[in-house]
């Protein structure tokens, strides 16, 4: 079992519903702890579950006080060969919430406690079945809603990221132990850790960590999606475009300027990447106080966006206003796509040359036409340049991991400087320990009860 700042009790036997609450064909309850098989055996008269093999399923009835609660299938997992590393039981019953509640209450009558959020995975971590990074990936896997988030979470659960961190940590520990050994021979002025070799190792680890930190840009996109603001003047066709992209009437469309006064958001998956589209109030000067608030919020959303779709009504906008719009977008220094809507109203359905001269990449569209929406999707993928980001190997998606890696890199810079300045071994050892501490935070070699409580409280109950 892992050692942390203070002990975490895993003595209780716990139970929870593992499937979503609500009426369904079946429901699955999980039980874990020393008494899980013994307590279940008291409620399952068909056979002695204490004598059955691990990873076997058994059909029968759950009974209490000679009253049948339900026909069930009981699956037995004997520790340490289980998810939690403890004796565990899974109960597949009919998906009536009355039945589920009755089974849980029966177990509680026999001394089993209802599980806290993430407590099963927390026990898996405590019993060495998963490290902390892998445990966090379990929650990411449950929340995955596209191929990219699924692939990244599976890779992390299988130890891809953890193994890379552990490898770096082990190499640094080997040198740290030599530096620590020097302290035992302080009066003899011996040097067991070659400083040049240590410097090369630090450079190597710094390069690896820098690469991992860079991958967070892609990781954040994969995990949280791309915040994409649809902006432009009133009646440019922003709401129509959102409806076309989503293939539903999400936003109110009207010829009256200023219809959209607050944000309308929805997500769309484009080739495995989630885009969070945000339809905003039209940008213009207005005396309407409520609309003015919406306009100001639009500017704020644009500043915080990862990508901007800027729409113009090419049939009515002046060249001066178009030029001002493009200048505003460039000042924001955020990737953007410019759409010239209502191109079907122009002669030859072609963007005038003077507009193209200002921004050659302007795309002519008809916001209500789905063919143009497909063209826009490809342009969005090109604009975010995912192909130029690191897509093979380890990708950092977790903010906690990102912060620990940044702290590790900072500590390694201190180690490097200490070597260059010829600092004594005792101070060098302190800097190396700090680097090891931050790396250990990621996988859970170094952790506290508060950190664990914060991480696992975000899990669903039953996982």
Protein backbone atom coordinates (compact mmCIF):
# COMPACT_ATOMS: atom_id res chain seq x y z
CA UNK A 1 0.00 0.00 0.00
CA UNK A 2 1.22 3.51 -0.81
CA UNK A 3 2.56 5.76 1.91
CA UNK A 4 1.16 9.30 1.99
CA UNK A 5 1.17 12.21 4.42
CA UNK A 6 -1.42 10.55 6.66
CA UNK A 7 -3.23 7.25 6.60
CA UNK A 8 -6.34 6.68 4.50
CA UNK A 9 -8.64 3.96 5.81
CA UNK A 10 -9.57 1.15 3.45
CA UNK A 11 -10.92 -1.09 6.22
CA UNK A 12 -14.60 -0.39 5.53
CA UNK A 13 -16.58 -2.38 3.00
CA UNK A 14 -18.33 -0.04 0.58
CA UNK A 15 -21.20 -0.22 -1.91
CA UNK A 16 -22.47 2.07 -4.70
CA UNK A 17 -24.48 2.06 -7.88
CA UNK A 18 -22.03 1.89 -10.81
CA UNK A 19 -24.54 2.57 -13.58
CA UNK A 20 -26.49 5.84 -14.02
CA UNK A 21 -29.48 6.37 -11.71
CA UNK A 22 -32.88 5.91 -13.31
CA UNK A 23 -35.08 3.13 -14.66
CA UNK A 24 -33.27 0.81 -17.08
CA UNK A 25 -33.13 -2.82 -18.16
CA UNK A 26 -30.33 -3.61 -15.71
CA UNK A 27 -28.32 -1.85 -13.03
CA UNK A 28 -24.91 -2.75 -11.64
CA UNK A 29 -23.86 -2.26 -8.03
CA UNK A 30 -20.27 -2.55 -6.84
CA UNK A 31 -19.15 -3.78 -3.44
CA UNK A 32 -15.52 -3.69 -2.30
CA UNK A 33 -13.69 -4.51 0.91
CA UNK A 34 -12.71 -7.39 3.16
CA UNK A 35 -16.31 -8.33 3.95
CA UNK A 36 -17.75 -7.89 0.45
CA UNK A 37 -17.90 -11.58 -0.44
CA UNK A 38 -18.92 -12.67 3.07
CA UNK A 39 -21.79 -10.19 3.31
CA UNK A 40 -23.00 -11.02 -0.20
CA UNK A 41 -22.92 -14.72 0.74
CA UNK A 42 -25.41 -14.03 3.55
CA UNK A 43 -27.86 -12.67 0.97
CA UNK A 44 -27.30 -15.27 -1.76
CA UNK A 45 -28.63 -18.68 -0.60
CA UNK A 46 -28.05 -20.57 -3.85
CA UNK A 47 -24.37 -21.38 -3.23
CA UNK A 48 -21.42 -20.60 -0.97
CA UNK A 49 -19.70 -17.65 -2.63
CA UNK A 50 -16.73 -17.95 -0.28
CA UNK A 51 -15.74 -21.14 -2.12
CA UNK A 52 -16.16 -20.03 -5.74
CA UNK A 53 -13.29 -19.01 -7.99
CA UNK A 54 -12.41 -15.41 -8.70
CA UNK A 55 -13.76 -13.81 -11.87
CA UNK A 56 -16.82 -16.07 -12.01
CA UNK A 57 -20.49 -15.11 -12.38
CA UNK A 58 -23.37 -16.75 -10.49
CA UNK A 59 -27.11 -16.54 -11.09
CA UNK A 60 -29.54 -16.58 -8.19
CA UNK A 61 -31.60 -14.33 -5.94
CA UNK A 62 -30.76 -11.67 -3.40
CA UNK A 63 -32.80 -12.38 -0.26
CA UNK A 64 -33.10 -10.71 3.13
CA UNK A 65 -35.16 -12.04 6.02
CA UNK A 66 -36.41 -14.74 3.61
CA UNK A 67 -37.82 -12.06 1.29
CA UNK A 68 -36.62 -12.13 -2.33
CA UNK A 69 -35.47 -8.68 -3.47
CA UNK A 70 -34.50 -9.58 -7.04
CA UNK A 71 -33.03 -12.15 -9.41
CA UNK A 72 -29.42 -11.19 -9.97
CA UNK A 73 -26.07 -12.19 -11.43
CA UNK A 74 -23.23 -11.96 -8.91
CA UNK A 75 -19.67 -11.61 -10.20
CA UNK A 76 -16.86 -12.36 -7.76
CA UNK A 77 -13.41 -10.74 -7.84
CA UNK A 78 -10.92 -11.88 -5.22
CA UNK A 79 -8.10 -9.51 -4.26
CA UNK A 80 -5.52 -8.59 -5.29
CA UNK A 81 -6.79 -9.57 -8.77
CA UNK A 82 -9.55 -6.96 -8.82
CA UNK A 83 -9.97 -3.33 -9.83
CA UNK A 84 -9.55 -2.08 -6.26
CA UNK A 85 -7.03 -4.74 -5.25
CA UNK A 86 -9.52 -5.97 -2.61
CA UNK A 87 -12.23 -8.61 -2.57
CA UNK A 88 -15.00 -7.16 -4.72
CA UNK A 89 -18.47 -8.07 -5.92
CA UNK A 90 -20.56 -6.74 -8.79
CA UNK A 91 -24.32 -7.25 -8.65
CA UNK A 92 -26.28 -7.10 -11.90
CA UNK A 93 -29.95 -6.60 -11.06
CA UNK A 94 -33.06 -5.24 -12.76
CA UNK A 95 -32.87 -1.49 -13.28
CA UNK A 96 -35.68 -0.47 -10.95
CA UNK A 97 -34.54 2.25 -8.56
CA UNK A 98 -36.70 0.62 -5.88
CA UNK A 99 -34.73 -2.62 -6.30
CA UNK A 100 -31.41 -0.76 -6.31
CA UNK A 101 -32.35 1.15 -3.17
CA UNK A 102 -33.54 -2.03 -1.43
CA UNK A 103 -30.27 -3.88 -2.17
CA UNK A 104 -28.14 -0.94 -0.97
CA UNK A 105 -30.17 -0.58 2.23
CA UNK A 106 -29.88 -4.33 2.88
CA UNK A 107 -26.09 -4.15 2.61
CA UNK A 108 -26.07 -1.09 4.88
CA UNK A 109 -28.06 -3.04 7.48
CA UNK A 110 -25.20 -5.55 7.43
CA UNK A 111 -22.54 -2.91 8.09
CA UNK A 112 -21.56 -1.94 4.55
CA UNK A 113 -21.04 1.79 4.00
CA UNK A 114 -22.18 3.79 0.96
CA UNK A 115 -19.12 4.77 -1.10
CA UNK A 116 -17.86 8.32 -1.54
CA UNK A 117 -17.21 9.78 -5.02
CA UNK A 118 -14.27 8.03 -6.65
CA UNK A 119 -13.66 5.77 -3.66
CA UNK A 120 -13.28 2.57 -5.69
CA UNK A 121 -10.59 4.15 -7.87
CA UNK A 122 -9.00 5.74 -4.79
CA UNK A 123 -8.65 2.26 -3.28
CA UNK A 124 -7.13 1.02 -6.53
CA UNK A 125 -4.52 3.78 -6.15
CA UNK A 126 -3.92 3.08 -2.46
CA UNK A 127 -3.46 -0.63 -3.16
CA UNK A 128 -0.99 -0.02 -5.99
CA UNK A 129 -3.27 -1.08 -8.85
CA UNK A 130 -3.00 2.35 -10.47
CA UNK A 131 -0.73 5.33 -9.95
CA UNK A 132 -2.30 8.77 -9.50
CA UNK A 133 -1.96 9.81 -13.15
CA UNK A 134 -3.62 6.57 -14.25
CA UNK A 135 -6.39 7.05 -11.71
CA UNK A 136 -7.11 10.53 -13.05
CA UNK A 137 -7.22 9.08 -16.56
CA UNK A 138 -10.09 6.83 -15.45
CA UNK A 139 -12.25 9.92 -14.99
CA UNK A 140 -11.08 11.25 -18.36
CA UNK A 141 -12.02 7.96 -20.03
CA UNK A 142 -15.52 8.06 -18.53
CA UNK A 143 -15.91 11.65 -19.75
CA UNK A 144 -14.46 11.00 -23.23
CA UNK A 145 -16.87 11.95 -26.00
CA UNK A 146 -14.72 11.61 -29.11
CA UNK A 147 -11.94 9.47 -30.57
CA UNK A 148 -9.15 11.86 -29.50
CA UNK A 149 -10.14 12.10 -25.83
CA UNK A 150 -10.70 8.33 -25.73
CA UNK A 151 -7.29 7.55 -27.26
CA UNK A 152 -5.46 9.91 -24.92
CA UNK A 153 -7.20 8.56 -21.80
CA UNK A 154 -6.59 4.92 -22.78
CA UNK A 155 -2.89 5.64 -23.37
CA UNK A 156 -2.60 7.24 -19.94
CA UNK A 157 -4.48 4.43 -18.17
CA UNK A 158 -2.13 1.93 -19.79
CA UNK A 159 0.78 3.83 -18.25
CA UNK A 160 2.20 5.71 -21.24
CA UNK A 161 2.58 9.03 -19.43
CA UNK A 162 3.38 7.45 -16.06
CA UNK A 163 6.16 5.29 -17.45
CA UNK A 164 7.79 8.31 -19.05
CA UNK A 165 7.69 10.26 -15.77
CA UNK A 166 8.89 7.29 -13.73
CA UNK A 167 11.80 6.74 -16.13
CA UNK A 168 12.94 10.34 -15.74
CA UNK A 169 12.54 10.15 -11.98
CA UNK A 170 14.54 6.92 -11.66
CA UNK A 171 17.46 8.38 -13.63
CA UNK A 172 17.49 11.44 -11.41
CA UNK A 173 17.21 9.32 -8.25
CA UNK A 174 20.33 7.37 -9.26
CA UNK A 175 22.35 10.57 -9.42
CA UNK A 176 20.71 11.96 -6.30
CA UNK A 177 21.78 8.91 -4.33
CA UNK A 178 25.39 9.47 -5.40
CA UNK A 179 25.25 13.13 -4.38
CA UNK A 180 23.72 12.12 -1.04
CA UNK A 181 26.50 9.56 -0.60
CA UNK A 182 29.08 12.32 -0.99
CA UNK A 183 27.61 14.01 2.07
CA UNK A 184 28.58 10.99 4.16
CA UNK A 185 32.20 11.55 3.13
CA UNK A 186 32.12 15.34 3.45
CA UNK A 187 35.48 15.58 5.24
CA UNK A 188 37.26 13.49 2.59
CA UNK A 189 36.24 15.75 -0.33
CA UNK A 190 35.22 12.87 -2.64
CA UNK A 191 32.93 13.18 -5.66
CA UNK A 192 30.87 10.11 -6.60
CA UNK A 193 28.46 11.93 -8.95
CA UNK A 194 30.26 13.18 -12.05
CA UNK A 195 29.05 16.75 -12.50
CA UNK A 196 29.33 16.70 -16.30
CA UNK A 197 27.25 13.52 -16.53
CA UNK A 198 24.70 15.02 -14.15
CA UNK A 199 24.55 18.16 -16.29
CA UNK A 200 23.91 16.06 -19.42
CA UNK A 201 21.14 14.18 -17.62
CA UNK A 202 19.51 17.41 -16.43
CA UNK A 203 19.60 18.77 -20.00
CA UNK A 204 18.02 15.56 -21.30
CA UNK A 205 15.23 15.64 -18.70
CA UNK A 206 14.63 19.36 -19.32
CA UNK A 207 14.21 18.69 -23.05
CA UNK A 208 11.74 15.89 -22.39
CA UNK A 209 9.72 18.00 -19.95
CA UNK A 210 9.73 20.96 -22.34
CA UNK A 211 8.30 18.69 -25.03
CA UNK A 212 5.61 17.47 -22.63
CA UNK A 213 4.73 21.04 -21.68
CA UNK A 214 4.35 21.96 -25.36
CA UNK A 215 1.98 19.01 -25.83
CA UNK A 216 -0.41 20.61 -23.32
CA UNK A 217 -1.65 22.96 -26.05
CA UNK A 218 -2.90 19.97 -28.01
CA UNK A 219 -3.98 18.19 -24.82
CA UNK A 220 -6.12 21.12 -23.77
CA UNK A 221 -7.77 21.16 -27.19
CA UNK A 222 -8.44 17.42 -27.04
CA UNK A 223 -9.85 17.51 -23.52
CA UNK A 224 -11.76 20.79 -23.40
CA UNK A 225 -12.48 21.57 -27.04
CA UNK A 226 -11.75 24.77 -28.94
CA UNK A 227 -13.65 27.85 -27.76
CA UNK A 228 -14.80 29.32 -31.09
CA UNK A 229 -16.54 32.70 -31.02
CA UNK A 230 -18.81 33.61 -33.93
CA UNK A 231 -18.65 37.42 -34.12
CA UNK A 232 -19.60 40.19 -36.50
CA UNK A 233 -22.04 43.05 -36.99
CA UNK A 234 -25.80 42.59 -36.49
CA UNK A 235 -27.58 40.63 -39.25
CA UNK A 236 -24.31 39.27 -40.61
CA UNK A 237 -25.78 35.75 -40.36
CA UNK A 238 -24.06 34.51 -37.21
CA UNK A 239 -27.09 32.73 -35.75
CA UNK A 240 -27.98 31.24 -39.13
CA UNK A 241 -24.44 29.84 -39.40
CA UNK A 242 -24.65 28.31 -35.92
CA UNK A 243 -27.94 26.63 -36.81
CA UNK A 244 -26.47 25.33 -40.07
CA UNK A 245 -23.38 23.92 -38.36
CA UNK A 246 -25.43 22.23 -35.65
CA UNK A 247 -28.19 21.16 -38.06
CA UNK A 248 -30.87 22.42 -35.68
CA UNK A 249 -32.67 25.66 -34.85
CA UNK A 250 -30.53 26.49 -31.84
CA UNK A 251 -30.51 30.28 -32.24
CA UNK A 252 -33.34 32.68 -33.08
CA UNK A 253 -32.94 34.07 -36.59
CA UNK A 254 -34.54 37.42 -37.45
CA UNK A 255 -34.13 40.33 -39.87
CA UNK A 256 -34.32 42.66 -36.87
CA UNK A 257 -30.78 43.80 -35.88
CA UNK A 258 -29.71 43.01 -32.30
CA UNK A 259 -31.80 39.84 -31.88
CA UNK A 260 -28.94 38.01 -30.14
CA UNK A 261 -28.20 39.79 -26.87
CA UNK A 262 -26.56 37.01 -24.88
CA UNK A 263 -24.42 33.99 -25.73
CA UNK A 264 -25.72 30.80 -27.28
CA UNK A 265 -23.28 27.89 -27.00
CA UNK A 266 -23.10 24.37 -28.32
CA UNK A 267 -20.49 21.79 -29.28
CA UNK A 268 -19.72 20.13 -32.57
CA UNK A 269 -17.24 17.33 -33.19
CA UNK A 270 -15.21 17.82 -36.35
CA UNK A 271 -12.97 14.86 -37.21
CA UNK A 272 -12.44 13.98 -33.55
CA UNK A 273 -11.93 17.55 -32.29
CA UNK A 274 -14.60 19.32 -30.25
CA UNK A 275 -15.38 22.91 -31.19
CA UNK A 276 -17.40 24.93 -28.66
CA UNK A 277 -19.23 27.44 -30.84
CA UNK A 278 -20.37 30.65 -29.15
CA UNK A 279 -22.88 32.83 -30.99
CA UNK A 280 -22.55 36.43 -29.79
CA UNK A 281 -24.32 39.78 -29.92
CA UNK A 282 -23.68 41.84 -33.05
CA UNK A 283 -20.87 44.39 -32.77
CA UNK A 284 -22.15 47.94 -33.17
CA UNK A 285 -22.68 51.15 -31.25
CA UNK A 286 -26.10 51.11 -29.60
CA UNK A 287 -28.14 53.17 -27.13
CA UNK A 288 -30.01 50.09 -25.96
CA UNK A 289 -28.46 49.37 -22.53
CA UNK A 290 -29.12 45.62 -22.64
CA UNK A 291 -27.76 45.25 -26.17
CA UNK A 292 -24.73 47.37 -25.19
CA UNK A 293 -23.95 44.93 -22.38
CA UNK A 294 -24.14 42.08 -24.90
CA UNK A 295 -21.77 43.89 -27.26
CA UNK A 296 -19.24 44.47 -24.47
CA UNK A 297 -19.44 40.80 -23.49
CA UNK A 298 -18.82 39.84 -27.10
CA UNK A 299 -15.54 41.77 -27.07
CA UNK A 300 -14.56 40.01 -23.84
CA UNK A 301 -15.40 36.60 -25.32
CA UNK A 302 -13.34 37.37 -28.40
CA UNK A 303 -10.30 38.21 -26.26
CA UNK A 304 -10.56 34.87 -24.43
CA UNK A 305 -11.37 32.72 -27.48
CA UNK A 306 -9.07 30.11 -29.01
CA UNK A 307 -10.52 30.79 -32.45
CA UNK A 308 -12.75 33.48 -33.98
CA UNK A 309 -15.16 33.15 -36.89
CA UNK A 310 -15.74 36.71 -38.05
CA UNK A 311 -18.76 37.18 -40.30
CA UNK A 312 -19.60 40.09 -42.59
CA UNK A 313 -22.60 40.78 -44.80
CA UNK A 314 -20.61 41.16 -48.00
CA UNK A 315 -23.68 42.55 -49.79
CA UNK A 316 -23.83 45.64 -47.59
CA UNK A 317 -20.57 46.25 -45.70
CA UNK A 318 -18.34 49.13 -46.80
CA UNK A 319 -14.69 48.61 -47.66
CA UNK A 320 -13.69 50.95 -44.79
CA UNK A 321 -15.69 48.96 -42.23
CA UNK A 322 -14.24 45.71 -43.58
CA UNK A 323 -10.74 47.11 -43.23
CA UNK A 324 -11.45 48.17 -39.62
CA UNK A 325 -12.80 44.69 -38.83
CA UNK A 326 -9.68 42.97 -40.15
CA UNK A 327 -7.43 45.38 -38.22
CA UNK A 328 -9.35 44.59 -35.01
CA UNK A 329 -8.92 40.86 -35.54
CA UNK A 330 -5.19 41.19 -36.15
CA UNK A 331 -4.78 43.26 -32.97
CA UNK A 332 -6.35 40.49 -30.91
CA UNK A 333 -3.59 38.09 -32.06
CA UNK A 334 -6.00 35.14 -31.96
CA UNK A 335 -6.42 32.74 -34.92
CA UNK A 336 -9.42 33.81 -36.99
CA UNK A 337 -11.43 32.94 -40.08
CA UNK A 338 -13.24 35.64 -42.08
CA UNK A 339 -16.53 34.73 -43.75
CA UNK A 340 -18.19 36.93 -46.36
CA UNK A 341 -21.83 35.93 -46.01
CA UNK A 342 -24.64 36.44 -48.57
CA UNK A 343 -22.25 36.02 -51.47
CA UNK A 344 -25.24 34.79 -53.50
CA UNK A 345 -26.49 38.39 -53.59
CA UNK A 346 -23.37 39.63 -55.42
CA UNK A 347 -22.83 39.67 -59.18
CA UNK A 348 -21.22 36.40 -60.28
CA UNK A 349 -21.34 35.33 -56.57
CA UNK A 350 -17.74 36.52 -56.20
CA UNK A 351 -16.02 38.57 -53.48
CA UNK A 352 -14.93 41.98 -54.89
CA UNK A 353 -11.20 42.33 -55.52
CA UNK A 354 -10.77 45.28 -53.13
CA UNK A 355 -12.00 43.09 -50.23
CA UNK A 356 -9.74 40.23 -51.28
CA UNK A 357 -6.78 42.63 -51.36
CA UNK A 358 -7.36 43.46 -47.67
CA UNK A 359 -7.70 39.83 -46.59
CA UNK A 360 -6.97 37.25 -49.32
CA UNK A 361 -8.22 34.31 -47.21
CA UNK A 362 -11.78 35.65 -46.94
CA UNK A 363 -14.25 32.84 -47.66
CA UNK A 364 -17.49 33.58 -49.47
CA UNK A 365 -20.45 31.65 -48.07
CA UNK A 366 -24.21 31.44 -47.80
CA UNK A 367 -24.77 30.83 -44.08
CA UNK A 368 -27.89 28.72 -44.58
CA UNK A 369 -26.23 26.42 -47.13
CA UNK A 370 -24.81 23.18 -45.67
CA UNK A 371 -22.29 22.83 -48.51
CA UNK A 372 -20.55 25.98 -47.33
CA UNK A 373 -20.63 24.68 -43.74
CA UNK A 374 -18.54 21.68 -44.84
CA UNK A 375 -16.00 24.03 -46.43
CA UNK A 376 -15.85 26.04 -43.20
CA UNK A 377 -15.23 22.90 -41.09
CA UNK A 378 -12.14 22.07 -43.12
CA UNK A 379 -10.95 25.67 -42.85
CA UNK A 380 -11.33 25.56 -39.07
CA UNK A 381 -9.19 22.42 -38.85
CA UNK A 382 -6.52 24.06 -41.04
CA UNK A 383 -6.56 27.26 -38.96
CA UNK A 384 -5.93 25.58 -35.61
CA UNK A 385 -3.02 23.69 -37.22
CA UNK A 386 -3.36 20.49 -35.24
CA UNK A 387 -1.12 18.78 -37.77
CA UNK A 388 1.77 20.95 -36.55
CA UNK A 389 1.22 19.96 -32.94
CA UNK A 390 2.61 16.83 -31.29
CA UNK A 391 0.09 14.07 -31.98
CA UNK A 392 2.20 10.96 -31.46
CA UNK A 393 3.62 9.93 -28.13
CA UNK A 394 2.62 11.32 -24.76
CA UNK A 395 0.17 14.23 -24.57
CA UNK A 396 -0.40 16.18 -21.34
CA UNK A 397 -4.10 16.95 -20.79
CA UNK A 398 -4.25 17.48 -17.03
CA UNK A 399 -3.68 20.96 -15.54
CA UNK A 400 -2.26 19.46 -12.33
CA UNK A 401 0.33 17.51 -14.33
CA UNK A 402 1.16 20.63 -16.34
CA UNK A 403 1.82 22.67 -13.18
CA UNK A 404 3.98 19.90 -11.67
CA UNK A 405 6.01 19.68 -14.88
CA UNK A 406 6.53 23.46 -14.88
CA UNK A 407 7.71 23.30 -11.26
CA UNK A 408 10.03 20.39 -12.13
CA UNK A 409 11.54 22.36 -15.00
CA UNK A 410 12.13 25.35 -12.71
CA UNK A 411 13.86 23.11 -10.14
CA UNK A 412 16.03 21.54 -12.83
CA UNK A 413 17.15 25.01 -13.91
CA UNK A 414 18.27 25.51 -10.29
CA UNK A 415 20.16 22.19 -10.41
CA UNK A 416 21.86 23.24 -13.63
CA UNK A 417 22.89 26.58 -12.17
CA UNK A 418 24.15 24.91 -9.00
CA UNK A 419 26.39 22.64 -11.09
CA UNK A 420 27.73 25.56 -13.15
CA UNK A 421 28.41 27.62 -10.00
CA UNK A 422 30.16 24.71 -8.31
CA UNK A 423 27.74 24.72 -5.37
CA UNK A 424 28.51 22.22 -2.62
CA UNK A 425 26.85 18.80 -2.63
CA UNK A 426 24.45 19.51 0.24
CA UNK A 427 22.82 22.45 -1.59
CA UNK A 428 22.88 20.57 -4.89
CA UNK A 429 21.08 17.68 -3.19
CA UNK A 430 18.31 20.05 -2.02
CA UNK A 431 17.66 21.23 -5.59
CA UNK A 432 17.60 17.65 -6.91
CA UNK A 433 15.19 16.59 -4.15
CA UNK A 434 12.87 19.43 -5.17
CA UNK A 435 12.86 18.21 -8.77
CA UNK A 436 12.11 14.66 -7.61
CA UNK A 437 9.31 15.97 -5.38
CA UNK A 438 7.49 17.67 -8.27
CA UNK A 439 7.87 14.63 -10.55
CA UNK A 440 6.57 12.42 -7.73
CA UNK A 441 3.47 14.61 -7.40
CA UNK A 442 2.32 13.52 -10.86
CA UNK A 443 2.26 9.76 -10.31
CA UNK A 444 1.52 9.86 -6.58
CA UNK A 445 4.87 8.86 -5.06
CA UNK A 446 4.47 12.16 -3.23
CA UNK A 447 0.95 13.13 -2.19
CA UNK A 448 -1.30 14.22 0.67
CA UNK A 449 -4.79 13.43 1.90
CA UNK A 450 -5.97 16.88 0.78
CA UNK A 451 -4.72 16.30 -2.77
CA UNK A 452 -6.37 12.87 -2.95
CA UNK A 453 -9.64 14.23 -1.58
CA UNK A 454 -9.62 16.99 -4.20
CA UNK A 455 -8.90 14.61 -7.09
CA UNK A 456 -11.31 11.80 -6.22
CA UNK A 457 -14.17 14.08 -5.14
CA UNK A 458 -14.55 14.96 -8.83
CA UNK A 459 -15.26 11.33 -9.76
CA UNK A 460 -18.76 9.92 -10.07
CA UNK A 461 -19.98 7.72 -7.21
CA UNK A 462 -19.44 4.06 -8.07
CA UNK A 463 -16.10 4.60 -9.79
